[in-house]
Amino acid sequence: MVTQPRSISESGRRGRRGHCGRSGHGTLNRVKPEEPLIPKHGGYRNLKSFQVAQLAYDLTVRFCNHYIDRRSRTHDQMIQAARSGVQNIAEGSQVSGTSKKMEMKLTSVARASLEELKLDYEDFLRQRGMLQWERNDPRRAELIALRPRTEADVANWARTTHQRENAEPTKPDEHGDLDQSTSSTSSTSSTSSTGTTTTYAEILANVALALISVATVLLDRQLVALSVSFETEGGFTERLHRRRQDWRRK
């Protein structure tokens, strides 16, 4: 018996059906949620590191205007270091959508700027013979537990601490006003019944150091998290490459 050859059209239809079935099956196997090319980024105002650094910046501006000679380089350098800490956190967060590497770099710059500011406050205390609080100082722990959000919170706590330590009331216009526009290099002090003296400037400098310490710890943790994320997920270039590969397969 002679087998009749299949027509070209019939063969083509069968071939197309088979190819389409295989292609469709393969496409279904590859269906998965697409990762965003540019993930959500920014949102730096919600970062605790940004909030604490910004509070340290606000306090530094008032501190320098009141206790550091405006004509000195230290005045401008302390304010610029505090500002750099805040601005680089924000810039790093904003650029993270397209560059994890740049985010880590800017976060590291913010950390370095706050370290510079920390040294300036330590110099202020040392050069004037003032006491720098130890890490386990109860006043430092009390301030951190308070979690101040604004400069006014810091000023009120510092004023209360000054009154408590020196056992006599202080006048807000002498010790509590951080908004004075006139520059002053002197630090008003009171003497307690025990003979010890604690200046308001000393308390404020230690408050700033405590805030800087919290901010730097948060930034250190942030850098660790960023490095882990980069190792496991890659950066923008790798996401772009994966998206191009997916598009070509489809």
C-alpha atoms as a PDB file:
ATOM      1  CA  MET A   1       0.000   0.000   0.000  1.00  0.00           C
ATOM      2  CA  VAL A   2       1.393   3.346  -1.028  1.00  0.00           C
ATOM      3  CA  THR A   3       1.219   6.020   1.635  1.00  0.00           C
ATOM      4  CA  GLN A   4      -0.025   9.323   0.342  1.00  0.00           C
ATOM      5  CA  PRO A   5       2.312  12.211   1.189  1.00  0.00           C
ATOM      6  CA  ARG A   6       0.898  14.832   3.507  1.00  0.00           C
ATOM      7  CA  SER A   7       0.165  18.177   2.011  1.00  0.00           C
ATOM      8  CA  ILE A   8       2.421  21.069   2.769  1.00  0.00           C
ATOM      9  CA  SER A   9      -0.412  22.969   4.410  1.00  0.00           C
ATOM     10  CA  GLU A  10      -1.300  20.059   6.706  1.00  0.00           C
ATOM     11  CA  SER A  11       2.311  19.570   7.691  1.00  0.00           C
ATOM     12  CA  GLY A  12       2.711  23.268   8.327  1.00  0.00           C
ATOM     13  CA  ARG A  13      -0.378  23.381  10.519  1.00  0.00           C
ATOM     14  CA  ARG A  14       0.830  20.487  12.625  1.00  0.00           C
ATOM     15  CA  GLY A  15       4.286  21.999  12.922  1.00  0.00           C
ATOM     16  CA  ARG A  16       2.925  25.333  13.993  1.00  0.00           C
ATOM     17  CA  ARG A  17       0.624  23.762  16.527  1.00  0.00           C
ATOM     18  CA  GLY A  18       3.490  21.800  18.022  1.00  0.00           C
ATOM     19  CA  HIS A  19       5.797  24.797  18.098  1.00  0.00           C
ATOM     20  CA  CYS A  20       3.207  27.047  19.619  1.00  0.00           C
ATOM     21  CA  GLY A  21       2.428  24.501  22.281  1.00  0.00           C
ATOM     22  CA  ARG A  22       6.027  24.182  23.280  1.00  0.00           C
ATOM     23  CA  SER A  23       6.569  27.935  23.182  1.00  0.00           C
ATOM     24  CA  GLY A  24       3.475  28.625  25.229  1.00  0.00           C
ATOM     25  CA  HIS A  25       4.437  26.021  27.793  1.00  0.00           C
ATOM     26  CA  GLY A  26       7.902  27.499  28.113  1.00  0.00           C
ATOM     27  CA  THR A  27       6.522  31.015  28.486  1.00  0.00           C
ATOM     28  CA  LEU A  28       4.235  29.898  31.281  1.00  0.00           C
ATOM     29  CA  ASN A  29       7.202  28.376  33.068  1.00  0.00           C
ATOM     30  CA  ARG A  30       9.041  31.702  32.934  1.00  0.00           C
ATOM     31  CA  VAL A  31       6.182  33.846  34.165  1.00  0.00           C
ATOM     32  CA  LYS A  32       7.198  35.564  37.385  1.00  0.00           C
ATOM     33  CA  PRO A  33       6.744  38.954  38.983  1.00  0.00           C
ATOM     34  CA  GLU A  34       9.132  41.396  37.400  1.00  0.00           C
ATOM     35  CA  GLU A  35      11.519  43.181  39.739  1.00  0.00           C
ATOM     36  CA  PRO A  36      11.305  46.951  39.341  1.00  0.00           C
ATOM     37  CA  LEU A  37      14.142  48.432  37.344  1.00  0.00           C
ATOM     38  CA  ILE A  38      14.214  51.436  39.668  1.00  0.00           C
ATOM     39  CA  PRO A  39      12.976  50.354  43.124  1.00  0.00           C
ATOM     40  CA  LYS A  40      11.411  52.658  45.651  1.00  0.00           C
ATOM     41  CA  HIS A  41      13.980  55.090  46.976  1.00  0.00           C
ATOM     42  CA  GLY A  42      14.232  58.331  48.906  1.00  0.00           C
ATOM     43  CA  GLY A  43      12.176  58.400  52.066  1.00  0.00           C
ATOM     44  CA  TYR A  44      15.203  59.629  53.991  1.00  0.00           C
ATOM     45  CA  ARG A  45      13.027  61.692  56.312  1.00  0.00           C
ATOM     46  CA  ASN A  46      11.824  58.436  57.848  1.00  0.00           C
ATOM     47  CA  LEU A  47      15.371  57.280  58.559  1.00  0.00           C
ATOM     48  CA  LYS A  48      16.224  57.532  62.251  1.00  0.00           C
ATOM     49  CA  SER A  49      19.819  58.343  61.335  1.00  0.00           C
ATOM     50  CA  PHE A  50      18.620  61.370  59.348  1.00  0.00           C
ATOM     51  CA  GLN A  51      16.349  62.578  62.153  1.00  0.00           C
ATOM     52  CA  VAL A  52      19.061  62.388  64.816  1.00  0.00           C
ATOM     53  CA  ALA A  53      21.703  63.932  62.541  1.00  0.00           C
ATOM     54  CA  GLN A  54      19.337  66.784  61.695  1.00  0.00           C
ATOM     55  CA  LEU A  55      18.722  67.453  65.389  1.00  0.00           C
ATOM     56  CA  ALA A  56      22.502  67.493  65.991  1.00  0.00           C
ATOM     57  CA  TYR A  57      22.832  69.956  63.101  1.00  0.00           C
ATOM     58  CA  ASP A  58      20.179  72.313  64.513  1.00  0.00           C
ATOM     59  CA  LEU A  59      21.815  72.181  67.935  1.00  0.00           C
ATOM     60  CA  THR A  60      25.275  72.799  66.436  1.00  0.00           C
ATOM     61  CA  VAL A  61      24.143  75.938  64.591  1.00  0.00           C
ATOM     62  CA  ARG A  62      22.790  77.461  67.805  1.00  0.00           C
ATOM     63  CA  PHE A  63      25.729  76.228  69.887  1.00  0.00           C
ATOM     64  CA  CYS A  64      28.318  77.712  67.541  1.00  0.00           C
ATOM     65  CA  ASN A  65      26.494  81.034  67.234  1.00  0.00           C
ATOM     66  CA  HIS A  66      26.416  81.332  71.007  1.00  0.00           C
ATOM     67  CA  TYR A  67      29.702  79.812  72.189  1.00  0.00           C
ATOM     68  CA  ILE A  68      32.114  79.860  69.218  1.00  0.00           C
ATOM     69  CA  ASP A  69      33.561  83.080  67.812  1.00  0.00           C
ATOM     70  CA  ARG A  70      31.813  83.682  64.495  1.00  0.00           C
ATOM     71  CA  ARG A  71      35.063  84.969  63.011  1.00  0.00           C
ATOM     72  CA  SER A  72      36.902  81.691  63.674  1.00  0.00           C
ATOM     73  CA  ARG A  73      37.241  78.867  61.163  1.00  0.00           C
ATOM     74  CA  THR A  74      36.008  76.440  63.803  1.00  0.00           C
ATOM     75  CA  HIS A  75      32.601  78.139  63.779  1.00  0.00           C
ATOM     76  CA  ASP A  76      32.067  77.521  60.075  1.00  0.00           C
ATOM     77  CA  GLN A  77      33.714  74.103  60.022  1.00  0.00           C
ATOM     78  CA  MET A  78      31.535  72.706  62.800  1.00  0.00           C
ATOM     79  CA  ILE A  79      28.361  73.918  61.108  1.00  0.00           C
ATOM     80  CA  GLN A  80      29.476  72.592  57.721  1.00  0.00           C
ATOM     81  CA  ALA A  81      30.401  69.194  59.198  1.00  0.00           C
ATOM     82  CA  ALA A  82      26.989  68.943  60.859  1.00  0.00           C
ATOM     83  CA  ARG A  83      25.271  69.964  57.624  1.00  0.00           C
ATOM     84  CA  SER A  84      27.292  67.463  55.603  1.00  0.00           C
ATOM     85  CA  GLY A  85      26.140  64.674  57.888  1.00  0.00           C
ATOM     86  CA  VAL A  86      22.507  65.488  57.164  1.00  0.00           C
ATOM     87  CA  GLN A  87      22.757  66.312  53.466  1.00  0.00           C
ATOM     88  CA  ASN A  88      24.752  63.227  52.500  1.00  0.00           C
ATOM     89  CA  ILE A  89      22.254  60.907  54.184  1.00  0.00           C
ATOM     90  CA  ALA A  90      19.493  62.542  52.138  1.00  0.00           C
ATOM     91  CA  GLU A  91      21.468  62.495  48.893  1.00  0.00           C
ATOM     92  CA  GLY A  92      22.491  58.875  49.366  1.00  0.00           C
ATOM     93  CA  SER A  93      18.905  57.825  49.965  1.00  0.00           C
ATOM     94  CA  GLN A  94      17.701  59.691  46.895  1.00  0.00           C
ATOM     95  CA  VAL A  95      20.353  58.267  44.549  1.00  0.00           C
ATOM     96  CA  SER A  96      19.842  54.697  45.774  1.00  0.00           C
ATOM     97  CA  GLY A  97      17.301  54.004  43.029  1.00  0.00           C
ATOM     98  CA  THR A  98      20.011  53.901  40.376  1.00  0.00           C
ATOM     99  CA  SER A  99      23.234  53.429  42.344  1.00  0.00           C
ATOM    100  CA  LYS A 100      23.698  51.341  45.465  1.00  0.00           C
ATOM    101  CA  LYS A 101      27.408  52.061  45.245  1.00  0.00           C
ATOM    102  CA  MET A 102      26.840  55.815  45.414  1.00  0.00           C
ATOM    103  CA  GLU A 103      24.389  55.384  48.283  1.00  0.00           C
ATOM    104  CA  MET A 104      27.013  53.540  50.312  1.00  0.00           C
ATOM    105  CA  LYS A 105      29.646  56.140  49.441  1.00  0.00           C
ATOM    106  CA  LEU A 106      27.480  59.098  50.480  1.00  0.00           C
ATOM    107  CA  THR A 107      26.351  57.354  53.649  1.00  0.00           C
ATOM    108  CA  SER A 108      30.006  56.805  54.487  1.00  0.00           C
ATOM    109  CA  VAL A 109      30.727  60.503  53.855  1.00  0.00           C
ATOM    110  CA  ALA A 110      27.917  61.415  56.263  1.00  0.00           C
ATOM    111  CA  ARG A 111      29.449  59.107  58.865  1.00  0.00           C
ATOM    112  CA  ALA A 112      32.884  60.716  58.414  1.00  0.00           C
ATOM    113  CA  SER A 113      31.462  64.243  58.691  1.00  0.00           C
ATOM    114  CA  LEU A 114      29.797  63.426  61.998  1.00  0.00           C
ATOM    115  CA  GLU A 115      33.064  61.956  63.259  1.00  0.00           C
ATOM    116  CA  GLU A 116      34.758  65.263  62.430  1.00  0.00           C
ATOM    117  CA  LEU A 117      32.041  67.150  64.313  1.00  0.00           C
ATOM    118  CA  LYS A 118      32.467  64.838  67.280  1.00  0.00           C
ATOM    119  CA  LEU A 119      36.166  65.703  67.501  1.00  0.00           C
ATOM    120  CA  ASP A 120      35.364  69.443  67.446  1.00  0.00           C
ATOM    121  CA  TYR A 121      33.027  69.091  70.422  1.00  0.00           C
ATOM    122  CA  GLU A 122      35.597  66.998  72.282  1.00  0.00           C
ATOM    123  CA  ASP A 123      38.217  69.689  71.604  1.00  0.00           C
ATOM    124  CA  PHE A 124      35.834  72.361  72.906  1.00  0.00           C
ATOM    125  CA  LEU A 125      35.457  70.545  76.216  1.00  0.00           C
ATOM    126  CA  ARG A 126      39.116  69.585  76.586  1.00  0.00           C
ATOM    127  CA  GLN A 127      40.531  73.011  75.755  1.00  0.00           C
ATOM    128  CA  ARG A 128      38.270  74.690  78.315  1.00  0.00           C
ATOM    129  CA  GLY A 129      38.847  72.150  81.064  1.00  0.00           C
ATOM    130  CA  MET A 130      35.247  70.917  80.943  1.00  0.00           C
ATOM    131  CA  LEU A 131      34.125  67.393  81.690  1.00  0.00           C
ATOM    132  CA  GLN A 132      33.228  65.003  78.887  1.00  0.00           C
ATOM    133  CA  TRP A 133      30.601  62.505  79.990  1.00  0.00           C
ATOM    134  CA  GLU A 134      31.574  58.848  80.026  1.00  0.00           C
ATOM    135  CA  ARG A 135      29.616  56.418  77.908  1.00  0.00           C
ATOM    136  CA  ASN A 136      27.817  55.052  80.992  1.00  0.00           C
ATOM    137  CA  ASP A 137      27.070  58.491  82.470  1.00  0.00           C
ATOM    138  CA  PRO A 138      23.470  58.499  83.794  1.00  0.00           C
ATOM    139  CA  ARG A 139      22.809  61.913  82.245  1.00  0.00           C
ATOM    140  CA  ARG A 140      23.707  60.570  78.833  1.00  0.00           C
ATOM    141  CA  ALA A 141      21.459  57.549  79.327  1.00  0.00           C
ATOM    142  CA  GLU A 142      18.645  59.805  80.509  1.00  0.00           C
ATOM    143  CA  LEU A 143      18.913  61.995  77.409  1.00  0.00           C
ATOM    144  CA  ILE A 144      18.947  59.048  75.013  1.00  0.00           C
ATOM    145  CA  ALA A 145      15.961  57.472  76.756  1.00  0.00           C
ATOM    146  CA  LEU A 146      14.097  60.780  76.388  1.00  0.00           C
ATOM    147  CA  ARG A 147      14.436  60.560  72.581  1.00  0.00           C
ATOM    148  CA  PRO A 148      14.246  64.335  71.963  1.00  0.00           C
ATOM    149  CA  ARG A 149      12.781  65.253  68.591  1.00  0.00           C
ATOM    150  CA  THR A 150      13.335  69.007  68.463  1.00  0.00           C
ATOM    151  CA  GLU A 151      15.878  71.553  69.564  1.00  0.00           C
ATOM    152  CA  ALA A 152      13.350  72.846  72.098  1.00  0.00           C
ATOM    153  CA  ASP A 153      13.227  69.375  73.706  1.00  0.00           C
ATOM    154  CA  VAL A 154      17.022  69.432  74.028  1.00  0.00           C
ATOM    155  CA  ALA A 155      17.070  72.979  75.463  1.00  0.00           C
ATOM    156  CA  ASN A 156      14.424  72.164  78.070  1.00  0.00           C
ATOM    157  CA  TRP A 157      16.225  69.024  79.167  1.00  0.00           C
ATOM    158  CA  ALA A 158      19.579  70.819  79.346  1.00  0.00           C
ATOM    159  CA  ARG A 159      18.076  73.663  81.373  1.00  0.00           C
ATOM    160  CA  THR A 160      16.492  71.248  83.832  1.00  0.00           C
ATOM    161  CA  THR A 161      19.732  69.289  84.159  1.00  0.00           C
ATOM    162  CA  HIS A 162      21.695  72.481  84.759  1.00  0.00           C
ATOM    163  CA  GLN A 163      19.313  73.560  87.504  1.00  0.00           C
ATOM    164  CA  ARG A 164      19.379  70.145  89.145  1.00  0.00           C
ATOM    165  CA  GLU A 165      23.147  69.833  89.135  1.00  0.00           C
ATOM    166  CA  ASN A 166      23.882  73.332  90.389  1.00  0.00           C
ATOM    167  CA  ALA A 167      21.111  73.408  93.005  1.00  0.00           C
ATOM    168  CA  GLU A 168      19.919  76.868  92.069  1.00  0.00           C
ATOM    169  CA  PRO A 169      17.497  78.172  89.441  1.00  0.00           C
ATOM    170  CA  THR A 170      18.812  79.536  86.190  1.00  0.00           C
ATOM    171  CA  LYS A 171      17.260  82.251  84.125  1.00  0.00           C
ATOM    172  CA  PRO A 172      16.214  81.284  80.592  1.00  0.00           C
ATOM    173  CA  ASP A 173      17.781  84.394  79.118  1.00  0.00           C
ATOM    174  CA  GLU A 174      21.110  83.496  80.719  1.00  0.00           C
ATOM    175  CA  HIS A 175      21.274  79.757  80.122  1.00  0.00           C
ATOM    176  CA  GLY A 176      18.331  78.455  78.175  1.00  0.00           C
ATOM    177  CA  ASP A 177      18.119  80.714  75.142  1.00  0.00           C
ATOM    178  CA  LEU A 178      19.777  78.996  72.206  1.00  0.00           C
ATOM    179  CA  ASP A 179      18.330  81.518  69.785  1.00  0.00           C
ATOM    180  CA  GLN A 180      20.492  84.433  70.810  1.00  0.00           C
ATOM    181  CA  SER A 181      21.915  86.116  67.753  1.00  0.00           C
ATOM    182  CA  THR A 182      24.918  87.633  69.538  1.00  0.00           C
ATOM    183  CA  SER A 183      28.124  85.653  69.680  1.00  0.00           C
ATOM    184  CA  SER A 184      29.627  84.802  73.022  1.00  0.00           C
ATOM    185  CA  THR A 185      32.731  82.831  73.887  1.00  0.00           C
ATOM    186  CA  SER A 186      32.022  82.823  77.615  1.00  0.00           C
ATOM    187  CA  SER A 187      30.008  80.136  79.390  1.00  0.00           C
ATOM    188  CA  THR A 188      27.768  81.100  82.287  1.00  0.00           C
ATOM    189  CA  SER A 189      28.108  78.757  85.247  1.00  0.00           C
ATOM    190  CA  SER A 190      26.687  78.177  88.677  1.00  0.00           C
ATOM    191  CA  THR A 191      28.283  76.718  91.772  1.00  0.00           C
ATOM    192  CA  SER A 192      26.417  74.097  93.762  1.00  0.00           C
ATOM    193  CA  SER A 193      26.519  73.581  97.507  1.00  0.00           C
ATOM    194  CA  THR A 194      29.195  70.919  97.009  1.00  0.00           C
ATOM    195  CA  GLY A 195      31.512  73.349  95.281  1.00  0.00           C
ATOM    196  CA  THR A 196      31.306  71.751  91.852  1.00  0.00           C
ATOM    197  CA  THR A 197      30.636  73.881  88.796  1.00  0.00           C
ATOM    198  CA  THR A 198      28.782  72.817  85.675  1.00  0.00           C
ATOM    199  CA  THR A 199      28.365  75.243  82.815  1.00  0.00           C
ATOM    200  CA  TYR A 200      25.448  75.260  80.448  1.00  0.00           C
ATOM    201  CA  ALA A 201      27.873  75.080  77.521  1.00  0.00           C
ATOM    202  CA  GLU A 202      29.389  71.927  79.006  1.00  0.00           C
ATOM    203  CA  ILE A 203      25.978  70.264  79.172  1.00  0.00           C
ATOM    204  CA  LEU A 204      25.074  71.277  75.626  1.00  0.00           C
ATOM    205  CA  ALA A 205      28.386  70.050  74.202  1.00  0.00           C
ATOM    206  CA  ASN A 206      27.850  66.685  75.880  1.00  0.00           C
ATOM    207  CA  VAL A 207      24.284  66.575  74.599  1.00  0.00           C
ATOM    208  CA  ALA A 208      25.597  67.120  71.070  1.00  0.00           C
ATOM    209  CA  LEU A 209      28.156  64.351  71.557  1.00  0.00           C
ATOM    210  CA  ALA A 210      25.425  61.974  72.713  1.00  0.00           C
ATOM    211  CA  LEU A 211      23.288  62.751  69.651  1.00  0.00           C
ATOM    212  CA  ILE A 212      26.271  62.340  67.320  1.00  0.00           C
ATOM    213  CA  SER A 213      27.081  59.004  68.940  1.00  0.00           C
ATOM    214  CA  VAL A 214      23.541  57.729  68.324  1.00  0.00           C
ATOM    215  CA  ALA A 215      23.606  58.949  64.717  1.00  0.00           C
ATOM    216  CA  THR A 216      26.958  57.298  63.961  1.00  0.00           C
ATOM    217  CA  VAL A 217      25.843  53.977  65.433  1.00  0.00           C
ATOM    218  CA  LEU A 218      22.745  54.085  63.241  1.00  0.00           C
ATOM    219  CA  LEU A 219      24.831  54.926  60.187  1.00  0.00           C
ATOM    220  CA  ASP A 220      27.221  52.057  60.904  1.00  0.00           C
ATOM    221  CA  ARG A 221      24.259  49.664  60.962  1.00  0.00           C
ATOM    222  CA  GLN A 222      22.897  51.266  57.816  1.00  0.00           C
ATOM    223  CA  LEU A 223      26.186  50.694  55.988  1.00  0.00           C
ATOM    224  CA  VAL A 224      26.223  47.032  57.012  1.00  0.00           C
ATOM    225  CA  ALA A 225      22.652  46.576  55.747  1.00  0.00           C
ATOM    226  CA  LEU A 226      23.511  48.301  52.465  1.00  0.00           C
ATOM    227  CA  SER A 227      26.542  46.087  51.891  1.00  0.00           C
ATOM    228  CA  VAL A 228      24.517  42.927  52.530  1.00  0.00           C
ATOM    229  CA  SER A 229      21.791  44.132  50.168  1.00  0.00           C
ATOM    230  CA  PHE A 230      24.357  44.863  47.468  1.00  0.00           C
ATOM    231  CA  GLU A 231      25.953  41.424  47.833  1.00  0.00           C
ATOM    232  CA  THR A 232      22.661  39.527  47.654  1.00  0.00           C
ATOM    233  CA  GLU A 233      20.654  41.646  45.208  1.00  0.00           C
ATOM    234  CA  GLY A 234      23.259  43.525  43.188  1.00  0.00           C
ATOM    235  CA  GLY A 235      22.912  47.052  41.902  1.00  0.00           C
ATOM    236  CA  PHE A 236      21.205  48.931  39.097  1.00  0.00           C
ATOM    237  CA  THR A 237      23.521  47.597  36.355  1.00  0.00           C
ATOM    238  CA  GLU A 238      22.752  44.004  37.286  1.00  0.00           C
ATOM    239  CA  ARG A 239      19.006  44.678  37.434  1.00  0.00           C
ATOM    240  CA  LEU A 240      19.210  46.294  34.006  1.00  0.00           C
ATOM    241  CA  HIS A 241      21.053  43.257  32.634  1.00  0.00           C
ATOM    242  CA  ARG A 242      18.440  40.864  34.067  1.00  0.00           C
ATOM    243  CA  ARG A 243      15.603  42.904  32.590  1.00  0.00           C
ATOM    244  CA  ARG A 244      17.240  42.859  29.156  1.00  0.00           C
ATOM    245  CA  GLN A 245      17.692  39.091  29.354  1.00  0.00           C
ATOM    246  CA  ASP A 246      14.052  38.604  30.307  1.00  0.00           C
ATOM    247  CA  TRP A 247      12.930  40.804  27.437  1.00  0.00           C
ATOM    248  CA  ARG A 248      15.007  38.849  24.936  1.00  0.00           C
ATOM    249  CA  ARG A 249      13.651  35.494  26.156  1.00  0.00           C
ATOM    250  CA  LYS A 250      10.098  36.729  25.763  1.00  0.00           C
END
